[in-house]
Amino acid sequence: MAVPSDTAVLRVAVTTALGAQPLENALVTVSTAPDENGTRTLLYAVRTDRDGMTPPMTLAAPPRSASLSPGQVTPYALYTVEAAREGFVPLTALHVTLFAGVPAMLPVALTPLPEKE
């Protein structure tokens, strides 16, 4: 499947700490990077499958030609990805960089919460 020249496809792979086990049913959200007021726009809220994978998410990115001329448009798009699941410490990945036409895989390892005594 060809990716349009002004988009990038992101998938997130969620596992337990150190990648030992895939985490099913983790909530993964993708939003825009914070603007000057700290505001973000939610773009996706998806759950991982039994393999810990999200479905492919298509996101806007500047065209590849933007990278050919220095000092012009920034040739990549920045997003914020958050992953959470009950019993685990939530994780936020800031400034996830995506380039147009380049599929991206973001590995996320969640740490189990300490057991209550």
PDB file of N, CA and C in Angstrom:
ATOM      1  N   MET A   1       0.844  -1.181   0.000  1.00  0.00           N
ATOM      2  CA  MET A   1       0.000   0.000   0.000  1.00  0.00           C
ATOM      3  C   MET A   1       0.889   1.244   0.000  1.00  0.00           C
ATOM      4  N   ALA A   2       0.703   2.090  -0.958  1.00  0.00           N
ATOM      5  CA  ALA A   2       1.507   3.305  -1.067  1.00  0.00           C
ATOM      6  C   ALA A   2       0.995   4.350  -0.077  1.00  0.00           C
ATOM      7  N   VAL A   3       1.936   5.042   0.534  1.00  0.00           N
ATOM      8  CA  VAL A   3       1.600   6.096   1.486  1.00  0.00           C
ATOM      9  C   VAL A   3       1.597   7.417   0.730  1.00  0.00           C
ATOM     10  N   PRO A   4       0.511   8.214   0.837  1.00  0.00           N
ATOM     11  CA  PRO A   4       0.511   9.522   0.159  1.00  0.00           C
ATOM     12  C   PRO A   4       1.738  10.339   0.559  1.00  0.00           C
ATOM     13  N   SER A   5       2.153  11.239  -0.337  1.00  0.00           N
ATOM     14  CA  SER A   5       3.406  11.967  -0.123  1.00  0.00           C
ATOM     15  C   SER A   5       3.339  12.998   0.994  1.00  0.00           C
ATOM     16  N   ASP A   6       2.147  13.265   1.525  1.00  0.00           N
ATOM     17  CA  ASP A   6       2.048  14.242   2.604  1.00  0.00           C
ATOM     18  C   ASP A   6       1.550  13.597   3.895  1.00  0.00           C
ATOM     19  N   THR A   7       1.750  12.280   4.023  1.00  0.00           N
ATOM     20  CA  THR A   7       1.362  11.575   5.246  1.00  0.00           C
ATOM     21  C   THR A   7       2.432  10.567   5.636  1.00  0.00           C
ATOM     22  N   ALA A   8       2.352  10.141   6.881  1.00  0.00           N
ATOM     23  CA  ALA A   8       3.205   9.077   7.401  1.00  0.00           C
ATOM     24  C   ALA A   8       2.297   8.110   8.150  1.00  0.00           C
ATOM     25  N   VAL A   9       2.672   6.839   8.168  1.00  0.00           N
ATOM     26  CA  VAL A   9       1.893   5.838   8.892  1.00  0.00           C
ATOM     27  C   VAL A   9       2.688   5.415  10.123  1.00  0.00           C
ATOM     28  N   LEU A  10       2.019   5.499  11.284  1.00  0.00           N
ATOM     29  CA  LEU A  10       2.647   5.150  12.557  1.00  0.00           C
ATOM     30  C   LEU A  10       1.942   3.944  13.155  1.00  0.00           C
ATOM     31  N   ARG A  11       2.732   2.992  13.646  1.00  0.00           N
ATOM     32  CA  ARG A  11       2.209   1.904  14.476  1.00  0.00           C
ATOM     33  C   ARG A  11       3.010   1.928  15.769  1.00  0.00           C
ATOM     34  N   VAL A  12       2.353   1.544  16.859  1.00  0.00           N
ATOM     35  CA  VAL A  12       2.998   1.507  18.164  1.00  0.00           C
ATOM     36  C   VAL A  12       2.954   0.067  18.661  1.00  0.00           C
ATOM     37  N   ALA A  13       4.104  -0.424  19.123  1.00  0.00           N
ATOM     38  CA  ALA A  13       4.215  -1.772  19.686  1.00  0.00           C
ATOM     39  C   ALA A  13       4.404  -1.627  21.191  1.00  0.00           C
ATOM     40  N   VAL A  14       3.426  -2.078  21.975  1.00  0.00           N
ATOM     41  CA  VAL A  14       3.476  -1.926  23.427  1.00  0.00           C
ATOM     42  C   VAL A  14       3.814  -3.273  24.051  1.00  0.00           C
ATOM     43  N   THR A  15       4.834  -3.252  24.911  1.00  0.00           N
ATOM     44  CA  THR A  15       5.281  -4.459  25.600  1.00  0.00           C
ATOM     45  C   THR A  15       5.472  -4.155  27.080  1.00  0.00           C
ATOM     46  N   THR A  16       5.723  -5.219  27.846  1.00  0.00           N
ATOM     47  CA  THR A  16       6.117  -5.022  29.231  1.00  0.00           C
ATOM     48  C   THR A  16       7.552  -4.508  29.217  1.00  0.00           C
ATOM     49  N   ALA A  17       8.050  -4.091  30.360  1.00  0.00           N
ATOM     50  CA  ALA A  17       9.412  -3.562  30.458  1.00  0.00           C
ATOM     51  C   ALA A  17      10.396  -4.528  29.803  1.00  0.00           C
ATOM     52  N   LEU A  18      11.344  -3.990  29.091  1.00  0.00           N
ATOM     53  CA  LEU A  18      12.391  -4.728  28.380  1.00  0.00           C
ATOM     54  C   LEU A  18      11.846  -5.562  27.226  1.00  0.00           C
ATOM     55  N   GLY A  19      10.600  -5.306  26.821  1.00  0.00           N
ATOM     56  CA  GLY A  19      10.058  -5.991  25.658  1.00  0.00           C
ATOM     57  C   GLY A  19       9.756  -7.453  25.869  1.00  0.00           C
ATOM     58  N   ALA A  20       9.613  -7.890  27.122  1.00  0.00           N
ATOM     59  CA  ALA A  20       9.438  -9.312  27.418  1.00  0.00           C
ATOM     60  C   ALA A  20       8.137  -9.883  26.859  1.00  0.00           C
ATOM     61  N   GLN A  21       7.023  -9.172  27.016  1.00  0.00           N
ATOM     62  CA  GLN A  21       5.717  -9.679  26.592  1.00  0.00           C
ATOM     63  C   GLN A  21       4.927  -8.567  25.899  1.00  0.00           C
ATOM     64  N   PRO A  22       4.200  -8.892  24.817  1.00  0.00           N
ATOM     65  CA  PRO A  22       3.314  -7.882  24.236  1.00  0.00           C
ATOM     66  C   PRO A  22       2.169  -7.587  25.195  1.00  0.00           C
ATOM     67  N   LEU A  23       1.700  -6.349  25.204  1.00  0.00           N
ATOM     68  CA  LEU A  23       0.596  -5.951  26.077  1.00  0.00           C
ATOM     69  C   LEU A  23      -0.668  -5.716  25.254  1.00  0.00           C
ATOM     70  N   GLU A  24      -1.633  -6.581  25.438  1.00  0.00           N
ATOM     71  CA  GLU A  24      -2.919  -6.452  24.762  1.00  0.00           C
ATOM     72  C   GLU A  24      -3.788  -5.440  25.503  1.00  0.00           C
ATOM     73  N   ASN A  25      -4.625  -4.724  24.747  1.00  0.00           N
ATOM     74  CA  ASN A  25      -5.623  -3.807  25.291  1.00  0.00           C
ATOM     75  C   ASN A  25      -5.036  -2.576  25.991  1.00  0.00           C
ATOM     76  N   ALA A  26      -3.804  -2.207  25.647  1.00  0.00           N
ATOM     77  CA  ALA A  26      -3.248  -0.950  26.145  1.00  0.00           C
ATOM     78  C   ALA A  26      -3.873   0.189  25.341  1.00  0.00           C
ATOM     79  N   LEU A  27      -4.174   1.289  25.998  1.00  0.00           N
ATOM     80  CA  LEU A  27      -4.720   2.459  25.313  1.00  0.00           C
ATOM     81  C   LEU A  27      -3.569   3.312  24.800  1.00  0.00           C
ATOM     82  N   VAL A  28      -3.576   3.568  23.503  1.00  0.00           N
ATOM     83  CA  VAL A  28      -2.547   4.406  22.890  1.00  0.00           C
ATOM     84  C   VAL A  28      -3.243   5.608  22.273  1.00  0.00           C
ATOM     85  N   THR A  29      -2.797   6.812  22.661  1.00  0.00           N
ATOM     86  CA  THR A  29      -3.338   8.028  22.064  1.00  0.00           C
ATOM     87  C   THR A  29      -2.226   8.756  21.327  1.00  0.00           C
ATOM     88  N   VAL A  30      -2.608   9.373  20.217  1.00  0.00           N
ATOM     89  CA  VAL A  30      -1.674  10.182  19.427  1.00  0.00           C
ATOM     90  C   VAL A  30      -2.305  11.560  19.302  1.00  0.00           C
ATOM     91  N   SER A  31      -1.510  12.569  19.638  1.00  0.00           N
ATOM     92  CA  SER A  31      -1.993  13.946  19.525  1.00  0.00           C
ATOM     93  C   SER A  31      -0.916  14.801  18.883  1.00  0.00           C
ATOM     94  N   THR A  32      -1.317  15.995  18.503  1.00  0.00           N
ATOM     95  CA  THR A  32      -0.348  16.938  17.956  1.00  0.00           C
ATOM     96  C   THR A  32       0.645  17.308  19.053  1.00  0.00           C
ATOM     97  N   ALA A  33       1.798  17.776  18.660  1.00  0.00           N
ATOM     98  CA  ALA A  33       2.749  18.301  19.635  1.00  0.00           C
ATOM     99  C   ALA A  33       2.117  19.551  20.259  1.00  0.00           C
ATOM    100  N   PRO A  34       2.442  19.865  21.519  1.00  0.00           N
ATOM    101  CA  PRO A  34       1.840  21.047  22.154  1.00  0.00           C
ATOM    102  C   PRO A  34       2.157  22.323  21.381  1.00  0.00           C
ATOM    103  N   ASP A  35       1.154  23.196  21.236  1.00  0.00           N
ATOM    104  CA  ASP A  35       1.391  24.494  20.603  1.00  0.00           C
ATOM    105  C   ASP A  35       1.968  25.461  21.638  1.00  0.00           C
ATOM    106  N   GLU A  36       2.064  26.735  21.281  1.00  0.00           N
ATOM    107  CA  GLU A  36       2.686  27.715  22.192  1.00  0.00           C
ATOM    108  C   GLU A  36       1.918  27.858  23.504  1.00  0.00           C
ATOM    109  N   ASN A  37       0.637  27.458  23.531  1.00  0.00           N
ATOM    110  CA  ASN A  37      -0.159  27.514  24.766  1.00  0.00           C
ATOM    111  C   ASN A  37      -0.176  26.184  25.509  1.00  0.00           C
ATOM    112  N   GLY A  38       0.539  25.191  24.971  1.00  0.00           N
ATOM    113  CA  GLY A  38       0.558  23.878  25.602  1.00  0.00           C
ATOM    114  C   GLY A  38      -0.642  23.015  25.218  1.00  0.00           C
ATOM    115  N   THR A  39      -1.433  23.482  24.260  1.00  0.00           N
ATOM    116  CA  THR A  39      -2.627  22.750  23.834  1.00  0.00           C
ATOM    117  C   THR A  39      -2.264  21.711  22.776  1.00  0.00           C
ATOM    118  N   ARG A  40      -2.853  20.521  22.931  1.00  0.00           N
ATOM    119  CA  ARG A  40      -2.666  19.463  21.944  1.00  0.00           C
ATOM    120  C   ARG A  40      -4.029  19.053  21.403  1.00  0.00           C
ATOM    121  N   THR A  41      -4.054  18.525  20.186  1.00  0.00           N
ATOM    122  CA  THR A  41      -5.287  18.025  19.576  1.00  0.00           C
ATOM    123  C   THR A  41      -5.193  16.516  19.474  1.00  0.00           C
ATOM    124  N   LEU A  42      -6.169  15.822  20.054  1.00  0.00           N
ATOM    125  CA  LEU A  42      -6.196  14.362  19.996  1.00  0.00           C
ATOM    126  C   LEU A  42      -6.546  13.919  18.578  1.00  0.00           C
ATOM    127  N   LEU A  43      -5.732  13.028  18.010  1.00  0.00           N
ATOM    128  CA  LEU A  43      -5.944  12.548  16.649  1.00  0.00           C
ATOM    129  C   LEU A  43      -6.399  11.088  16.622  1.00  0.00           C
ATOM    130  N   TYR A  44      -5.854  10.269  17.509  1.00  0.00           N
ATOM    131  CA  TYR A  44      -6.205   8.851  17.579  1.00  0.00           C
ATOM    132  C   TYR A  44      -6.261   8.413  19.034  1.00  0.00           C
ATOM    133  N   ALA A  45      -7.182   7.497  19.335  1.00  0.00           N
ATOM    134  CA  ALA A  45      -7.231   6.782  20.611  1.00  0.00           C
ATOM    135  C   ALA A  45      -7.580   5.345  20.238  1.00  0.00           C
ATOM    136  N   VAL A  46      -6.598   4.444  20.329  1.00  0.00           N
ATOM    137  CA  VAL A  46      -6.772   3.061  19.878  1.00  0.00           C
ATOM    138  C   VAL A  46      -6.277   2.103  20.961  1.00  0.00           C
ATOM    139  N   ARG A  47      -6.653   0.844  20.834  1.00  0.00           N
ATOM    140  CA  ARG A  47      -6.208  -0.208  21.747  1.00  0.00           C
ATOM    141  C   ARG A  47      -5.297  -1.169  20.992  1.00  0.00           C
ATOM    142  N   THR A  48      -4.343  -1.734  21.724  1.00  0.00           N
ATOM    143  CA  THR A  48      -3.443  -2.708  21.112  1.00  0.00           C
ATOM    144  C   THR A  48      -4.135  -4.063  20.991  1.00  0.00           C
ATOM    145  N   ASP A  49      -3.692  -4.847  20.020  1.00  0.00           N
ATOM    146  CA  ASP A  49      -4.216  -6.194  19.824  1.00  0.00           C
ATOM    147  C   ASP A  49      -3.426  -7.193  20.666  1.00  0.00           C
ATOM    148  N   ARG A  50      -3.672  -8.473  20.484  1.00  0.00           N
ATOM    149  CA  ARG A  50      -3.012  -9.494  21.313  1.00  0.00           C
ATOM    150  C   ARG A  50      -1.497  -9.518  21.129  1.00  0.00           C
ATOM    151  N   ASP A  51      -1.014  -8.950  20.013  1.00  0.00           N
ATOM    152  CA  ASP A  51       0.429  -8.871  19.772  1.00  0.00           C
ATOM    153  C   ASP A  51       1.023  -7.558  20.276  1.00  0.00           C
ATOM    154  N   GLY A  52       0.198  -6.741  20.974  1.00  0.00           N
ATOM    155  CA  GLY A  52       0.674  -5.475  21.504  1.00  0.00           C
ATOM    156  C   GLY A  52       0.772  -4.372  20.461  1.00  0.00           C
ATOM    157  N   MET A  53       0.176  -4.597  19.280  1.00  0.00           N
ATOM    158  CA  MET A  53       0.289  -3.641  18.171  1.00  0.00           C
ATOM    159  C   MET A  53      -0.974  -2.805  18.015  1.00  0.00           C
ATOM    160  N   THR A  54      -0.775  -1.537  17.683  1.00  0.00           N
ATOM    161  CA  THR A  54      -1.907  -0.691  17.317  1.00  0.00           C
ATOM    162  C   THR A  54      -2.201  -0.913  15.836  1.00  0.00           C
ATOM    163  N   PRO A  55      -3.404  -0.530  15.396  1.00  0.00           N
ATOM    164  CA  PRO A  55      -3.624  -0.497  13.946  1.00  0.00           C
ATOM    165  C   PRO A  55      -2.780   0.629  13.345  1.00  0.00           C
ATOM    166  N   PRO A  56      -2.540   0.608  12.042  1.00  0.00           N
ATOM    167  CA  PRO A  56      -1.803   1.704  11.404  1.00  0.00           C
ATOM    168  C   PRO A  56      -2.588   3.016  11.538  1.00  0.00           C
ATOM    169  N   MET A  57      -1.878   4.075  11.879  1.00  0.00           N
ATOM    170  CA  MET A  57      -2.490   5.401  12.028  1.00  0.00           C
ATOM    171  C   MET A  57      -1.836   6.335  11.017  1.00  0.00           C
ATOM    172  N   THR A  58      -2.642   6.935  10.143  1.00  0.00           N
ATOM    173  CA  THR A  58      -2.126   7.832   9.109  1.00  0.00           C
ATOM    174  C   THR A  58      -2.154   9.260   9.641  1.00  0.00           C
ATOM    175  N   LEU A  59      -0.988   9.910   9.590  1.00  0.00           N
ATOM    176  CA  LEU A  59      -0.825  11.256  10.150  1.00  0.00           C
ATOM    177  C   LEU A  59      -0.227  12.193   9.108  1.00  0.00           C
ATOM    178  N   ALA A  60      -0.587  13.449   9.197  1.00  0.00           N
ATOM    179  CA  ALA A  60      -0.065  14.458   8.270  1.00  0.00           C
ATOM    180  C   ALA A  60       1.424  14.691   8.504  1.00  0.00           C
ATOM    181  N   ALA A  61       2.141  14.932   7.420  1.00  0.00           N
ATOM    182  CA  ALA A  61       3.573  15.259   7.489  1.00  0.00           C
ATOM    183  C   ALA A  61       3.901  16.157   6.303  1.00  0.00           C
ATOM    184  N   PRO A  62       4.876  17.054   6.459  1.00  0.00           N
ATOM    185  CA  PRO A  62       5.259  17.905   5.324  1.00  0.00           C
ATOM    186  C   PRO A  62       5.748  17.039   4.167  1.00  0.00           C
ATOM    187  N   PRO A  63       5.562  17.467   2.928  1.00  0.00           N
ATOM    188  CA  PRO A  63       6.026  16.670   1.788  1.00  0.00           C
ATOM    189  C   PRO A  63       7.540  16.458   1.830  1.00  0.00           C
ATOM    190  N   ARG A  64       7.962  15.346   1.273  1.00  0.00           N
ATOM    191  CA  ARG A  64       9.404  15.024   1.259  1.00  0.00           C
ATOM    192  C   ARG A  64      10.234  16.124   0.629  1.00  0.00           C
ATOM    193  N   SER A  65       9.682  16.815  -0.349  1.00  0.00           N
ATOM    194  CA  SER A  65      10.432  17.874  -1.027  1.00  0.00           C
ATOM    195  C   SER A  65      10.864  18.974  -0.060  1.00  0.00           C
ATOM    196  N   ALA A  66      10.209  19.078   1.097  1.00  0.00           N
ATOM    197  CA  ALA A  66      10.577  20.094   2.088  1.00  0.00           C
ATOM    198  C   ALA A  66      11.980  19.856   2.636  1.00  0.00           C
ATOM    199  N   SER A  67      12.462  18.614   2.541  1.00  0.00           N
ATOM    200  CA  SER A  67      13.793  18.320   3.076  1.00  0.00           C
ATOM    201  C   SER A  67      14.905  18.645   2.083  1.00  0.00           C
ATOM    202  N   LEU A  68      14.542  19.046   0.872  1.00  0.00           N
ATOM    203  CA  LEU A  68      15.556  19.294  -0.153  1.00  0.00           C
ATOM    204  C   LEU A  68      16.136  20.699  -0.103  1.00  0.00           C
ATOM    205  N   SER A  69      15.445  21.622   0.546  1.00  0.00           N
ATOM    206  CA  SER A  69      15.909  23.005   0.604  1.00  0.00           C
ATOM    207  C   SER A  69      16.136  23.412   2.047  1.00  0.00           C
ATOM    208  N   PRO A  70      17.409  23.609   2.442  1.00  0.00           N
ATOM    209  CA  PRO A  70      17.679  24.004   3.819  1.00  0.00           C
ATOM    210  C   PRO A  70      17.045  25.350   4.141  1.00  0.00           C
ATOM    211  N   GLY A  71      16.592  25.474   5.392  1.00  0.00           N
ATOM    212  CA  GLY A  71      16.047  26.734   5.856  1.00  0.00           C
ATOM    213  C   GLY A  71      14.607  26.983   5.457  1.00  0.00           C
ATOM    214  N   GLN A  72      14.003  26.060   4.730  1.00  0.00           N
ATOM    215  CA  GLN A  72      12.600  26.223   4.339  1.00  0.00           C
ATOM    216  C   GLN A  72      11.711  25.624   5.421  1.00  0.00           C
ATOM    217  N   VAL A  73      10.740  24.868   5.028  1.00  0.00           N
ATOM    218  CA  VAL A  73       9.798  24.228   5.946  1.00  0.00           C
ATOM    219  C   VAL A  73      10.502  23.093   6.684  1.00  0.00           C
ATOM    220  N   THR A  74      10.150  22.886   7.950  1.00  0.00           N
ATOM    221  CA  THR A  74      10.677  21.735   8.690  1.00  0.00           C
ATOM    222  C   THR A  74      10.221  20.476   7.962  1.00  0.00           C
ATOM    223  N   PRO A  75      11.150  19.549   7.636  1.00  0.00           N
ATOM    224  CA  PRO A  75      10.793  18.407   6.791  1.00  0.00           C
ATOM    225  C   PRO A  75      10.114  17.253   7.533  1.00  0.00           C
ATOM    226  N   TYR A  76       9.729  17.447   8.766  1.00  0.00           N
ATOM    227  CA  TYR A  76       9.101  16.373   9.542  1.00  0.00           C
ATOM    228  C   TYR A  76       7.971  16.942  10.387  1.00  0.00           C
ATOM    229  N   ALA A  77       7.134  16.028  10.887  1.00  0.00           N
ATOM    230  CA  ALA A  77       6.043  16.411  11.778  1.00  0.00           C
ATOM    231  C   ALA A  77       6.320  15.839  13.156  1.00  0.00           C
ATOM    232  N   LEU A  78       5.900  16.547  14.196  1.00  0.00           N
ATOM    233  CA  LEU A  78       6.087  16.089  15.575  1.00  0.00           C
ATOM    234  C   LEU A  78       4.733  15.750  16.192  1.00  0.00           C
ATOM    235  N   TYR A  79       4.703  14.620  16.894  1.00  0.00           N
ATOM    236  CA  TYR A  79       3.490  14.173  17.564  1.00  0.00           C
ATOM    237  C   TYR A  79       3.822  13.730  18.984  1.00  0.00           C
ATOM    238  N   THR A  80       2.788  13.647  19.820  1.00  0.00           N
ATOM    239  CA  THR A  80       2.919  13.125  21.174  1.00  0.00           C
ATOM    240  C   THR A  80       2.150  11.811  21.229  1.00  0.00           C
ATOM    241  N   VAL A  81       2.808  10.756  21.737  1.00  0.00           N
ATOM    242  CA  VAL A  81       2.179   9.442  21.852  1.00  0.00           C
ATOM    243  C   VAL A  81       2.151   9.065  23.328  1.00  0.00           C
ATOM    244  N   GLU A  82       0.974   8.644  23.795  1.00  0.00           N
ATOM    245  CA  GLU A  82       0.826   8.198  25.179  1.00  0.00           C
ATOM    246  C   GLU A  82       0.308   6.771  25.183  1.00  0.00           C
ATOM    247  N   ALA A  83       0.839   5.959  26.095  1.00  0.00           N
ATOM    248  CA  ALA A  83       0.401   4.571  26.238  1.00  0.00           C
ATOM    249  C   ALA A  83       0.093   4.309  27.701  1.00  0.00           C
ATOM    250  N   ALA A  84      -1.005   3.599  27.952  1.00  0.00           N
ATOM    251  CA  ALA A  84      -1.408   3.305  29.327  1.00  0.00           C
ATOM    252  C   ALA A  84      -2.163   1.988  29.366  1.00  0.00           C
ATOM    253  N   ARG A  85      -2.010   1.287  30.476  1.00  0.00           N
ATOM    254  CA  ARG A  85      -2.803   0.091  30.741  1.00  0.00           C
ATOM    255  C   ARG A  85      -2.858  -0.088  32.250  1.00  0.00           C
ATOM    256  N   GLU A  86      -4.006  -0.551  32.739  1.00  0.00           N
ATOM    257  CA  GLU A  86      -4.176  -0.754  34.167  1.00  0.00           C
ATOM    258  C   GLU A  86      -3.077  -1.671  34.690  1.00  0.00           C
ATOM    259  N   GLY A  87      -2.490  -1.284  35.845  1.00  0.00           N
ATOM    260  CA  GLY A  87      -1.425  -2.078  36.448  1.00  0.00           C
ATOM    261  C   GLY A  87      -0.027  -1.706  35.979  1.00  0.00           C
ATOM    262  N   PHE A  88       0.062  -0.688  35.084  1.00  0.00           N
ATOM    263  CA  PHE A  88       1.362  -0.282  34.551  1.00  0.00           C
ATOM    264  C   PHE A  88       1.521   1.229  34.665  1.00  0.00           C
ATOM    265  N   VAL A  89       2.769   1.672  34.734  1.00  0.00           N
ATOM    266  CA  VAL A  89       3.071   3.109  34.764  1.00  0.00           C
ATOM    267  C   VAL A  89       2.838   3.652  33.353  1.00  0.00           C
ATOM    268  N   PRO A  90       1.972   4.682  33.188  1.00  0.00           N
ATOM    269  CA  PRO A  90       1.751   5.241  31.851  1.00  0.00           C
ATOM    270  C   PRO A  90       3.025   5.889  31.316  1.00  0.00           C
ATOM    271  N   LEU A  91       3.125   5.953  30.000  1.00  0.00           N
ATOM    272  CA  LEU A  91       4.316   6.510  29.363  1.00  0.00           C
ATOM    273  C   LEU A  91       3.896   7.535  28.324  1.00  0.00           C
ATOM    274  N   THR A  92       4.613   8.650  28.270  1.00  0.00           N
ATOM    275  CA  THR A  92       4.390   9.678  27.259  1.00  0.00           C
ATOM    276  C   THR A  92       5.670   9.852  26.461  1.00  0.00           C
ATOM    277  N   ALA A  93       5.541   9.746  25.140  1.00  0.00           N
ATOM    278  CA  ALA A  93       6.674   9.986  24.232  1.00  0.00           C
ATOM    279  C   ALA A  93       6.424  11.329  23.556  1.00  0.00           C
ATOM    280  N   LEU A  94       7.272  12.307  23.860  1.00  0.00           N
ATOM    281  CA  LEU A  94       7.155  13.645  23.278  1.00  0.00           C
ATOM    282  C   LEU A  94       8.003  13.738  22.020  1.00  0.00           C
ATOM    283  N   HIS A  95       7.615  14.576  21.111  1.00  0.00           N
ATOM    284  CA  HIS A  95       8.403  14.879  19.914  1.00  0.00           C
ATOM    285  C   HIS A  95       8.701  13.645  19.064  1.00  0.00           C
ATOM    286  N   VAL A  96       7.693  12.784  18.881  1.00  0.00           N
ATOM    287  CA  VAL A  96       7.836  11.647  17.978  1.00  0.00           C
ATOM    288  C   VAL A  96       7.889  12.225  16.567  1.00  0.00           C
ATOM    289  N   THR A  97       8.974  11.957  15.860  1.00  0.00           N
ATOM    290  CA  THR A  97       9.240  12.561  14.563  1.00  0.00           C
ATOM    291  C   THR A  97       8.798  11.636  13.435  1.00  0.00           C
ATOM    292  N   LEU A  98       7.984  12.173  12.522  1.00  0.00           N
ATOM    293  CA  LEU A  98       7.518  11.404  11.373  1.00  0.00           C
ATOM    294  C   LEU A  98       7.846  12.144  10.085  1.00  0.00           C
ATOM    295  N   PHE A  99       8.298  11.371   9.097  1.00  0.00           N
ATOM    296  CA  PHE A  99       8.613  11.910   7.777  1.00  0.00           C
ATOM    297  C   PHE A  99       7.590  11.390   6.773  1.00  0.00           C
ATOM    298  N   ALA A 100       7.191  12.216   5.837  1.00  0.00           N
ATOM    299  CA  ALA A 100       6.208  11.828   4.823  1.00  0.00           C
ATOM    300  C   ALA A 100       6.696  10.610   4.049  1.00  0.00           C
ATOM    301  N   GLY A 101       5.778   9.677   3.833  1.00  0.00           N
ATOM    302  CA  GLY A 101       6.079   8.497   3.026  1.00  0.00           C
ATOM    303  C   GLY A 101       6.931   7.456   3.709  1.00  0.00           C
ATOM    304  N   VAL A 102       7.283   7.658   4.979  1.00  0.00           N
ATOM    305  CA  VAL A 102       8.146   6.715   5.690  1.00  0.00           C
ATOM    306  C   VAL A 102       7.347   6.075   6.833  1.00  0.00           C
ATOM    307  N   PRO A 103       7.015   4.773   6.706  1.00  0.00           N
ATOM    308  CA  PRO A 103       6.296   4.115   7.804  1.00  0.00           C
ATOM    309  C   PRO A 103       7.164   4.103   9.062  1.00  0.00           C
ATOM    310  N   ALA A 104       6.527   4.286  10.212  1.00  0.00           N
ATOM    311  CA  ALA A 104       7.282   4.340  11.470  1.00  0.00           C
ATOM    312  C   ALA A 104       6.696   3.351  12.473  1.00  0.00           C
ATOM    313  N   MET A 105       7.592   2.725  13.252  1.00  0.00           N
ATOM    314  CA  MET A 105       7.200   1.825  14.333  1.00  0.00           C
ATOM    315  C   MET A 105       7.802   2.380  15.612  1.00  0.00           C
ATOM    316  N   LEU A 106       6.940   2.658  16.593  1.00  0.00           N
ATOM    317  CA  LEU A 106       7.411   3.181  17.875  1.00  0.00           C
ATOM    318  C   LEU A 106       7.275   2.087  18.926  1.00  0.00           C
ATOM    319  N   PRO A 107       8.396   1.559  19.431  1.00  0.00           N
ATOM    320  CA  PRO A 107       8.310   0.582  20.521  1.00  0.00           C
ATOM    321  C   PRO A 107       8.124   1.298  21.855  1.00  0.00           C
ATOM    322  N   VAL A 108       7.167   0.815  22.653  1.00  0.00           N
ATOM    323  CA  VAL A 108       6.892   1.399  23.963  1.00  0.00           C
ATOM    324  C   VAL A 108       6.876   0.271  24.984  1.00  0.00           C
ATOM    325  N   ALA A 109       7.714   0.379  26.012  1.00  0.00           N
ATOM    326  CA  ALA A 109       7.754  -0.629  27.076  1.00  0.00           C
ATOM    327  C   ALA A 109       7.174  -0.017  28.346  1.00  0.00           C
ATOM    328  N   LEU A 110       6.104  -0.609  28.849  1.00  0.00           N
ATOM    329  CA  LEU A 110       5.477  -0.120  30.077  1.00  0.00           C
ATOM    330  C   LEU A 110       5.992  -0.916  31.267  1.00  0.00           C
ATOM    331  N   THR A 111       6.226  -0.225  32.375  1.00  0.00           N
ATOM    332  CA  THR A 111       6.733  -0.834  33.603  1.00  0.00           C
ATOM    333  C   THR A 111       5.563  -1.174  34.525  1.00  0.00           C
ATOM    334  N   PRO A 112       5.516  -2.417  35.034  1.00  0.00           N
ATOM    335  CA  PRO A 112       4.444  -2.762  35.960  1.00  0.00           C
ATOM    336  C   PRO A 112       4.514  -1.895  37.218  1.00  0.00           C
ATOM    337  N   LEU A 113       3.334  -1.534  37.741  1.00  0.00           N
ATOM    338  CA  LEU A 113       3.279  -0.812  39.011  1.00  0.00           C
ATOM    339  C   LEU A 113       3.729  -1.756  40.120  1.00  0.00           C
ATOM    340  N   PRO A 114       4.374  -1.218  41.175  1.00  0.00           N
ATOM    341  CA  PRO A 114       4.765  -2.092  42.284  1.00  0.00           C
ATOM    342  C   PRO A 114       3.515  -2.702  42.939  1.00  0.00           C
ATOM    343  N   GLU A 115       3.627  -3.936  43.360  1.00  0.00           N
ATOM    344  CA  GLU A 115       2.506  -4.602  44.038  1.00  0.00           C
ATOM    345  C   GLU A 115       2.271  -3.934  45.375  1.00  0.00           C
ATOM    346  N   LYS A 116       0.988  -3.805  45.730  1.00  0.00           N
ATOM    347  CA  LYS A 116       0.659  -3.195  47.032  1.00  0.00           C
ATOM    348  C   LYS A 116       0.936  -4.215  48.121  1.00  0.00           C
ATOM    349  N   GLU A 117       1.522  -3.712  49.192  1.00  0.00           N
ATOM    350  CA  GLU A 117       1.878  -4.617  50.312  1.00  0.00           C
ATOM    351  C   GLU A 117       0.644  -4.953  51.114  1.00  0.00           C
TER     352      GLU A 117
END
